[in-house]
Amino acid sequence: MFAMSVVIWVLSSFNFNGFTEDLNNSFLAYAGKLVAPIFAPLGFGDWRASVSILTGLGAKEIVVNTMYVLYGNLNEVLPTVFTGVTAYGFLVFSALYTPCIAALATMKKEYGNKMMFISLGYQFALAWIAAFIVKIIGGAIFMQGSSSSIVELLIGGSIILVSIIVVLRKLNSKQSSPGCSGCSGCASQGNCSVEVKQEV
């Protein structure tokens, strides 16, 4: 955590011209502004919140530490950045999205690159969808913050729809060959022998 805090401080203190006191023109700000649009429909599109989420890939505990480095006094600043609903959405996203790098490294070792990236995408998508639902439903119930724009609703709805289609297609492909136990890409199409199945 200490090493990550040092890296965050360095990236927030330098830009292409050298040392800077303007946090908004630092390397960290450039990186945060690139990914901030991904989180904008969730209500926390501020680049500092986005950077905090990214540093959580090192360890989830670093998220709060990063926010403290970037925002300063959290008790005073956070109420100006988050509403109650978007704060809960941020919490839900942080709890559900991709685990730390150590967990990903273990997945890669145990299951290989493909399953690691599938897990990475699945957990990120699940966290995004859950946070979006929290924002929409919570905003409607508590009337907090500005109502979602049509564009945000379309983006969110599209992501949810695509995710459902991908999951349904995956489930459907595994059931395409009743004689198989999930090897839908197999050329034997369910006509393979027990010995071949065991080798797969």
C-alpha atoms as a PDB file:
ATOM      1  CA  MET A   1       0.000   0.000   0.000  1.00  0.00           C
ATOM      2  CA  PHE A   2       2.825   2.369   0.830  1.00  0.00           C
ATOM      3  CA  ALA A   3       4.506   1.725  -2.536  1.00  0.00           C
ATOM      4  CA  MET A   4       1.224   2.371  -4.365  1.00  0.00           C
ATOM      5  CA  SER A   5       0.733   5.625  -2.446  1.00  0.00           C
ATOM      6  CA  VAL A   6       4.203   6.760  -3.508  1.00  0.00           C
ATOM      7  CA  VAL A   7       3.428   5.928  -7.155  1.00  0.00           C
ATOM      8  CA  ILE A   8       0.148   7.859  -6.949  1.00  0.00           C
ATOM      9  CA  TRP A   9       1.919  10.862  -5.421  1.00  0.00           C
ATOM     10  CA  VAL A  10       4.596  10.842  -8.155  1.00  0.00           C
ATOM     11  CA  LEU A  11       2.044  10.555 -10.974  1.00  0.00           C
ATOM     12  CA  SER A  12      -0.061  13.322  -9.445  1.00  0.00           C
ATOM     13  CA  SER A  13       2.945  15.646  -9.051  1.00  0.00           C
ATOM     14  CA  PHE A  14       4.482  15.428 -12.533  1.00  0.00           C
ATOM     15  CA  ASN A  15       3.438  15.979 -16.123  1.00  0.00           C
ATOM     16  CA  PHE A  16       5.242  16.220 -19.483  1.00  0.00           C
ATOM     17  CA  ASN A  17       6.819  19.522 -18.407  1.00  0.00           C
ATOM     18  CA  GLY A  18       8.176  18.191 -15.120  1.00  0.00           C
ATOM     19  CA  PHE A  19       6.950  18.962 -11.608  1.00  0.00           C
ATOM     20  CA  THR A  20       3.493  20.498 -11.296  1.00  0.00           C
ATOM     21  CA  GLU A  21       1.371  21.678  -8.419  1.00  0.00           C
ATOM     22  CA  ASP A  22      -1.760  21.533 -10.553  1.00  0.00           C
ATOM     23  CA  LEU A  23      -3.267  18.101  -9.948  1.00  0.00           C
ATOM     24  CA  ASN A  24      -5.570  18.494 -12.962  1.00  0.00           C
ATOM     25  CA  ASN A  25      -2.580  18.667 -15.339  1.00  0.00           C
ATOM     26  CA  SER A  26      -0.674  15.679 -13.944  1.00  0.00           C
ATOM     27  CA  PHE A  27      -0.025  12.266 -15.491  1.00  0.00           C
ATOM     28  CA  LEU A  28      -2.578  10.828 -13.111  1.00  0.00           C
ATOM     29  CA  ALA A  29      -5.232  13.270 -14.325  1.00  0.00           C
ATOM     30  CA  TYR A  30      -4.533  12.367 -17.957  1.00  0.00           C
ATOM     31  CA  ALA A  31      -5.018   8.680 -17.186  1.00  0.00           C
ATOM     32  CA  GLY A  32      -8.112   9.330 -15.068  1.00  0.00           C
ATOM     33  CA  LYS A  33      -9.762  11.459 -17.747  1.00  0.00           C
ATOM     34  CA  LEU A  34      -9.322   8.636 -20.272  1.00  0.00           C
ATOM     35  CA  VAL A  35     -11.324   6.156 -18.202  1.00  0.00           C
ATOM     36  CA  ALA A  36     -13.745   8.571 -16.505  1.00  0.00           C
ATOM     37  CA  PRO A  37     -16.395   8.330 -19.293  1.00  0.00           C
ATOM     38  CA  ILE A  38     -16.810   4.622 -18.478  1.00  0.00           C
ATOM     39  CA  PHE A  39     -18.021   5.536 -14.995  1.00  0.00           C
ATOM     40  CA  ALA A  40     -19.961   8.688 -15.884  1.00  0.00           C
ATOM     41  CA  PRO A  41     -23.303   6.844 -16.334  1.00  0.00           C
ATOM     42  CA  LEU A  42     -22.846   5.456 -12.812  1.00  0.00           C
ATOM     43  CA  GLY A  43     -22.694   8.935 -11.295  1.00  0.00           C
ATOM     44  CA  PHE A  44     -18.997   8.970 -10.414  1.00  0.00           C
ATOM     45  CA  GLY A  45     -17.358  10.130 -13.627  1.00  0.00           C
ATOM     46  CA  ASP A  46     -14.932  12.415 -11.805  1.00  0.00           C
ATOM     47  CA  TRP A  47     -11.412  11.433 -12.908  1.00  0.00           C
ATOM     48  CA  ARG A  48     -10.205  11.176  -9.305  1.00  0.00           C
ATOM     49  CA  ALA A  49     -12.883   8.595  -8.466  1.00  0.00           C
ATOM     50  CA  SER A  50     -11.959   6.686 -11.638  1.00  0.00           C
ATOM     51  CA  VAL A  51      -8.280   6.628 -10.689  1.00  0.00           C
ATOM     52  CA  SER A  52      -9.227   5.422  -7.202  1.00  0.00           C
ATOM     53  CA  ILE A  53     -11.070   2.474  -8.727  1.00  0.00           C
ATOM     54  CA  LEU A  54      -8.122   1.600 -10.971  1.00  0.00           C
ATOM     55  CA  THR A  55      -5.671   1.618  -8.081  1.00  0.00           C
ATOM     56  CA  GLY A  56      -7.981  -0.805  -6.319  1.00  0.00           C
ATOM     57  CA  LEU A  57      -6.672  -3.447  -8.710  1.00  0.00           C
ATOM     58  CA  GLY A  58      -3.546  -3.425  -6.561  1.00  0.00           C
ATOM     59  CA  ALA A  59      -5.631  -3.973  -3.430  1.00  0.00           C
ATOM     60  CA  LYS A  60      -9.143  -2.851  -2.595  1.00  0.00           C
ATOM     61  CA  GLU A  61      -7.870  -1.123   0.557  1.00  0.00           C
ATOM     62  CA  ILE A  62      -5.954   1.344  -1.614  1.00  0.00           C
ATOM     63  CA  VAL A  63      -9.167   2.872  -3.013  1.00  0.00           C
ATOM     64  CA  VAL A  64      -9.809   4.992   0.097  1.00  0.00           C
ATOM     65  CA  ASN A  65      -6.119   5.835   0.450  1.00  0.00           C
ATOM     66  CA  THR A  66      -6.020   7.067  -3.161  1.00  0.00           C
ATOM     67  CA  MET A  67      -9.130   9.167  -2.626  1.00  0.00           C
ATOM     68  CA  TYR A  68      -7.498  10.760   0.406  1.00  0.00           C
ATOM     69  CA  VAL A  69      -4.387  11.626  -1.643  1.00  0.00           C
ATOM     70  CA  LEU A  70      -6.427  13.050  -4.538  1.00  0.00           C
ATOM     71  CA  TYR A  71      -9.303  14.757  -2.733  1.00  0.00           C
ATOM     72  CA  GLY A  72      -7.690  15.819   0.534  1.00  0.00           C
ATOM     73  CA  ASN A  73     -10.204  16.117   3.367  1.00  0.00           C
ATOM     74  CA  LEU A  74     -12.739  13.443   2.442  1.00  0.00           C
ATOM     75  CA  ASN A  75     -15.336  14.582   4.975  1.00  0.00           C
ATOM     76  CA  GLU A  76     -15.568  17.972   3.283  1.00  0.00           C
ATOM     77  CA  VAL A  77     -14.972  17.087  -0.362  1.00  0.00           C
ATOM     78  CA  LEU A  78     -16.865  13.832  -0.936  1.00  0.00           C
ATOM     79  CA  PRO A  79     -20.355  15.273  -0.268  1.00  0.00           C
ATOM     80  CA  THR A  80     -19.672  17.698  -3.149  1.00  0.00           C
ATOM     81  CA  VAL A  81     -18.666  14.851  -5.486  1.00  0.00           C
ATOM     82  CA  PHE A  82     -21.118  12.084  -4.535  1.00  0.00           C
ATOM     83  CA  THR A  83     -24.764  12.029  -3.621  1.00  0.00           C
ATOM     84  CA  GLY A  84     -25.913   9.386  -1.163  1.00  0.00           C
ATOM     85  CA  VAL A  85     -27.090   7.184  -4.042  1.00  0.00           C
ATOM     86  CA  THR A  86     -23.931   7.496  -6.147  1.00  0.00           C
ATOM     87  CA  ALA A  87     -21.840   6.832  -3.024  1.00  0.00           C
ATOM     88  CA  TYR A  88     -23.715   3.546  -2.549  1.00  0.00           C
ATOM     89  CA  GLY A  89     -23.210   2.811  -6.246  1.00  0.00           C
ATOM     90  CA  PHE A  90     -19.475   3.438  -5.838  1.00  0.00           C
ATOM     91  CA  LEU A  91     -19.453   1.116  -2.826  1.00  0.00           C
ATOM     92  CA  VAL A  92     -21.280  -1.628  -4.740  1.00  0.00           C
ATOM     93  CA  PHE A  93     -18.924  -1.278  -7.706  1.00  0.00           C
ATOM     94  CA  SER A  94     -15.851  -1.405  -5.463  1.00  0.00           C
ATOM     95  CA  ALA A  95     -17.119  -4.541  -3.732  1.00  0.00           C
ATOM     96  CA  LEU A  96     -17.950  -6.430  -6.934  1.00  0.00           C
ATOM     97  CA  TYR A  97     -15.366  -5.478  -9.521  1.00  0.00           C
ATOM     98  CA  THR A  98     -12.188  -7.356 -10.373  1.00  0.00           C
ATOM     99  CA  PRO A  99     -10.169  -8.562  -7.392  1.00  0.00           C
ATOM    100  CA  CYS A 100      -6.569  -7.578  -6.788  1.00  0.00           C
ATOM    101  CA  ILE A 101      -3.677  -8.375  -9.115  1.00  0.00           C
ATOM    102  CA  ALA A 102      -2.553 -11.214  -6.844  1.00  0.00           C
ATOM    103  CA  ALA A 103      -5.924 -12.952  -7.333  1.00  0.00           C
ATOM    104  CA  LEU A 104      -5.677 -12.455 -11.110  1.00  0.00           C
ATOM    105  CA  ALA A 105      -2.164 -13.902 -11.110  1.00  0.00           C
ATOM    106  CA  THR A 106      -3.455 -16.958  -9.243  1.00  0.00           C
ATOM    107  CA  MET A 107      -6.308 -17.342 -11.754  1.00  0.00           C
ATOM    108  CA  LYS A 108      -3.834 -17.152 -14.629  1.00  0.00           C
ATOM    109  CA  LYS A 109      -1.663 -19.825 -13.030  1.00  0.00           C
ATOM    110  CA  GLU A 110      -4.569 -22.163 -12.245  1.00  0.00           C
ATOM    111  CA  TYR A 111      -6.865 -21.625 -15.251  1.00  0.00           C
ATOM    112  CA  GLY A 112      -4.815 -19.881 -17.957  1.00  0.00           C
ATOM    113  CA  ASN A 113      -5.068 -16.537 -19.731  1.00  0.00           C
ATOM    114  CA  LYS A 114      -8.469 -17.117 -21.314  1.00  0.00           C
ATOM    115  CA  MET A 115     -10.326 -17.814 -18.081  1.00  0.00           C
ATOM    116  CA  MET A 116      -8.509 -14.986 -16.335  1.00  0.00           C
ATOM    117  CA  PHE A 117      -9.657 -12.451 -18.930  1.00  0.00           C
ATOM    118  CA  ILE A 118     -13.189 -13.887 -18.970  1.00  0.00           C
ATOM    119  CA  SER A 119     -13.332 -13.522 -15.188  1.00  0.00           C
ATOM    120  CA  LEU A 120     -11.916 -10.002 -15.410  1.00  0.00           C
ATOM    121  CA  GLY A 121     -14.546  -8.926 -17.922  1.00  0.00           C
ATOM    122  CA  TYR A 122     -17.397 -10.734 -16.169  1.00  0.00           C
ATOM    123  CA  GLN A 123     -16.682  -9.201 -12.761  1.00  0.00           C
ATOM    124  CA  PHE A 124     -16.193  -5.721 -14.188  1.00  0.00           C
ATOM    125  CA  ALA A 125     -19.452  -5.972 -16.164  1.00  0.00           C
ATOM    126  CA  LEU A 126     -21.327  -7.322 -13.137  1.00  0.00           C
ATOM    127  CA  ALA A 127     -20.039  -4.474 -10.954  1.00  0.00           C
ATOM    128  CA  TRP A 128     -20.899  -1.867 -13.594  1.00  0.00           C
ATOM    129  CA  ILE A 129     -24.437  -3.188 -14.088  1.00  0.00           C
ATOM    130  CA  ALA A 130     -25.066  -3.449 -10.338  1.00  0.00           C
ATOM    131  CA  ALA A 131     -23.836   0.112  -9.725  1.00  0.00           C
ATOM    132  CA  PHE A 132     -25.967   1.389 -12.620  1.00  0.00           C
ATOM    133  CA  ILE A 133     -29.058  -0.305 -11.185  1.00  0.00           C
ATOM    134  CA  VAL A 134     -28.314   1.222  -7.772  1.00  0.00           C
ATOM    135  CA  LYS A 135     -28.073   4.654  -9.367  1.00  0.00           C
ATOM    136  CA  ILE A 136     -31.292   4.348 -11.375  1.00  0.00           C
ATOM    137  CA  ILE A 137     -33.447   2.752  -8.665  1.00  0.00           C
ATOM    138  CA  GLY A 138     -31.928   4.733  -5.799  1.00  0.00           C
ATOM    139  CA  GLY A 139     -32.263   7.988  -7.723  1.00  0.00           C
ATOM    140  CA  ALA A 140     -35.904   7.253  -8.466  1.00  0.00           C
ATOM    141  CA  ILE A 141     -36.692   6.368  -4.847  1.00  0.00           C
ATOM    142  CA  PHE A 142     -34.789   9.119  -3.073  1.00  0.00           C
ATOM    143  CA  MET A 143     -34.905  11.772  -5.815  1.00  0.00           C
ATOM    144  CA  GLN A 144     -31.200  12.454  -5.322  1.00  0.00           C
ATOM    145  CA  GLY A 145     -29.085  14.208  -7.888  1.00  0.00           C
ATOM    146  CA  SER A 146     -30.076  15.045 -11.420  1.00  0.00           C
ATOM    147  CA  SER A 147     -32.139  12.518 -13.246  1.00  0.00           C
ATOM    148  CA  SER A 148     -30.297  10.300 -15.709  1.00  0.00           C
ATOM    149  CA  SER A 149     -30.132  11.638 -19.238  1.00  0.00           C
ATOM    150  CA  ILE A 150     -31.509   9.691 -22.184  1.00  0.00           C
ATOM    151  CA  VAL A 151     -27.931   9.036 -23.360  1.00  0.00           C
ATOM    152  CA  GLU A 152     -26.939   7.544 -19.985  1.00  0.00           C
ATOM    153  CA  LEU A 153     -30.033   5.342 -19.941  1.00  0.00           C
ATOM    154  CA  LEU A 154     -29.352   4.182 -23.503  1.00  0.00           C
ATOM    155  CA  ILE A 155     -25.708   3.392 -22.713  1.00  0.00           C
ATOM    156  CA  GLY A 156     -26.616   1.565 -19.523  1.00  0.00           C
ATOM    157  CA  GLY A 157     -29.478  -0.313 -21.144  1.00  0.00           C
ATOM    158  CA  SER A 158     -27.268  -1.312 -24.089  1.00  0.00           C
ATOM    159  CA  ILE A 159     -24.534  -2.646 -21.809  1.00  0.00           C
ATOM    160  CA  ILE A 160     -27.055  -4.639 -19.780  1.00  0.00           C
ATOM    161  CA  LEU A 161     -28.693  -6.012 -22.955  1.00  0.00           C
ATOM    162  CA  VAL A 162     -25.364  -7.015 -24.523  1.00  0.00           C
ATOM    163  CA  SER A 163     -24.312  -8.709 -21.266  1.00  0.00           C
ATOM    164  CA  ILE A 164     -27.560 -10.704 -21.133  1.00  0.00           C
ATOM    165  CA  ILE A 165     -27.183 -11.747 -24.794  1.00  0.00           C
ATOM    166  CA  VAL A 166     -23.579 -12.872 -24.248  1.00  0.00           C
ATOM    167  CA  VAL A 167     -24.525 -14.941 -21.195  1.00  0.00           C
ATOM    168  CA  LEU A 168     -27.539 -16.510 -22.944  1.00  0.00           C
ATOM    169  CA  ARG A 169     -25.488 -17.368 -26.038  1.00  0.00           C
ATOM    170  CA  LYS A 170     -22.808 -18.956 -23.881  1.00  0.00           C
ATOM    171  CA  LEU A 171     -25.379 -21.030 -22.004  1.00  0.00           C
ATOM    172  CA  ASN A 172     -27.113 -21.984 -25.251  1.00  0.00           C
ATOM    173  CA  SER A 173     -23.855 -23.085 -26.908  1.00  0.00           C
ATOM    174  CA  LYS A 174     -23.071 -25.411 -23.996  1.00  0.00           C
ATOM    175  CA  GLN A 175     -26.456 -27.101 -24.464  1.00  0.00           C
ATOM    176  CA  SER A 176     -26.178 -27.376 -28.258  1.00  0.00           C
ATOM    177  CA  SER A 177     -24.871 -30.951 -28.122  1.00  0.00           C
ATOM    178  CA  PRO A 178     -26.882 -33.033 -25.650  1.00  0.00           C
ATOM    179  CA  GLY A 179     -24.321 -35.840 -25.729  1.00  0.00           C
ATOM    180  CA  CYS A 180     -21.536 -33.527 -24.586  1.00  0.00           C
ATOM    181  CA  SER A 181     -20.819 -32.000 -21.233  1.00  0.00           C
ATOM    182  CA  GLY A 182     -20.066 -28.467 -22.302  1.00  0.00           C
ATOM    183  CA  CYS A 183     -17.570 -28.981 -25.141  1.00  0.00           C
ATOM    184  CA  SER A 184     -19.743 -27.322 -27.775  1.00  0.00           C
ATOM    185  CA  GLY A 185     -16.779 -26.456 -30.005  1.00  0.00           C
ATOM    186  CA  CYS A 186     -15.909 -30.147 -30.388  1.00  0.00           C
ATOM    187  CA  ALA A 187     -15.911 -31.478 -33.951  1.00  0.00           C
ATOM    188  CA  SER A 188     -17.482 -34.740 -32.770  1.00  0.00           C
ATOM    189  CA  GLN A 189     -20.748 -32.942 -31.927  1.00  0.00           C
ATOM    190  CA  GLY A 190     -21.619 -35.281 -29.046  1.00  0.00           C
ATOM    191  CA  ASN A 191     -20.671 -38.492 -30.861  1.00  0.00           C
ATOM    192  CA  CYS A 192     -17.303 -38.888 -29.170  1.00  0.00           C
ATOM    193  CA  SER A 193     -16.427 -41.928 -27.084  1.00  0.00           C
ATOM    194  CA  VAL A 194     -16.015 -41.944 -23.320  1.00  0.00           C
ATOM    195  CA  GLU A 195     -12.236 -42.258 -23.737  1.00  0.00           C
ATOM    196  CA  VAL A 196     -12.045 -39.104 -25.899  1.00  0.00           C
ATOM    197  CA  LYS A 197     -14.208 -37.170 -23.442  1.00  0.00           C
ATOM    198  CA  GLN A 198     -11.907 -38.102 -20.608  1.00  0.00           C
ATOM    199  CA  GLU A 199      -8.873 -36.907 -22.560  1.00  0.00           C
ATOM    200  CA  VAL A 200     -10.563 -33.533 -23.205  1.00  0.00           C
END
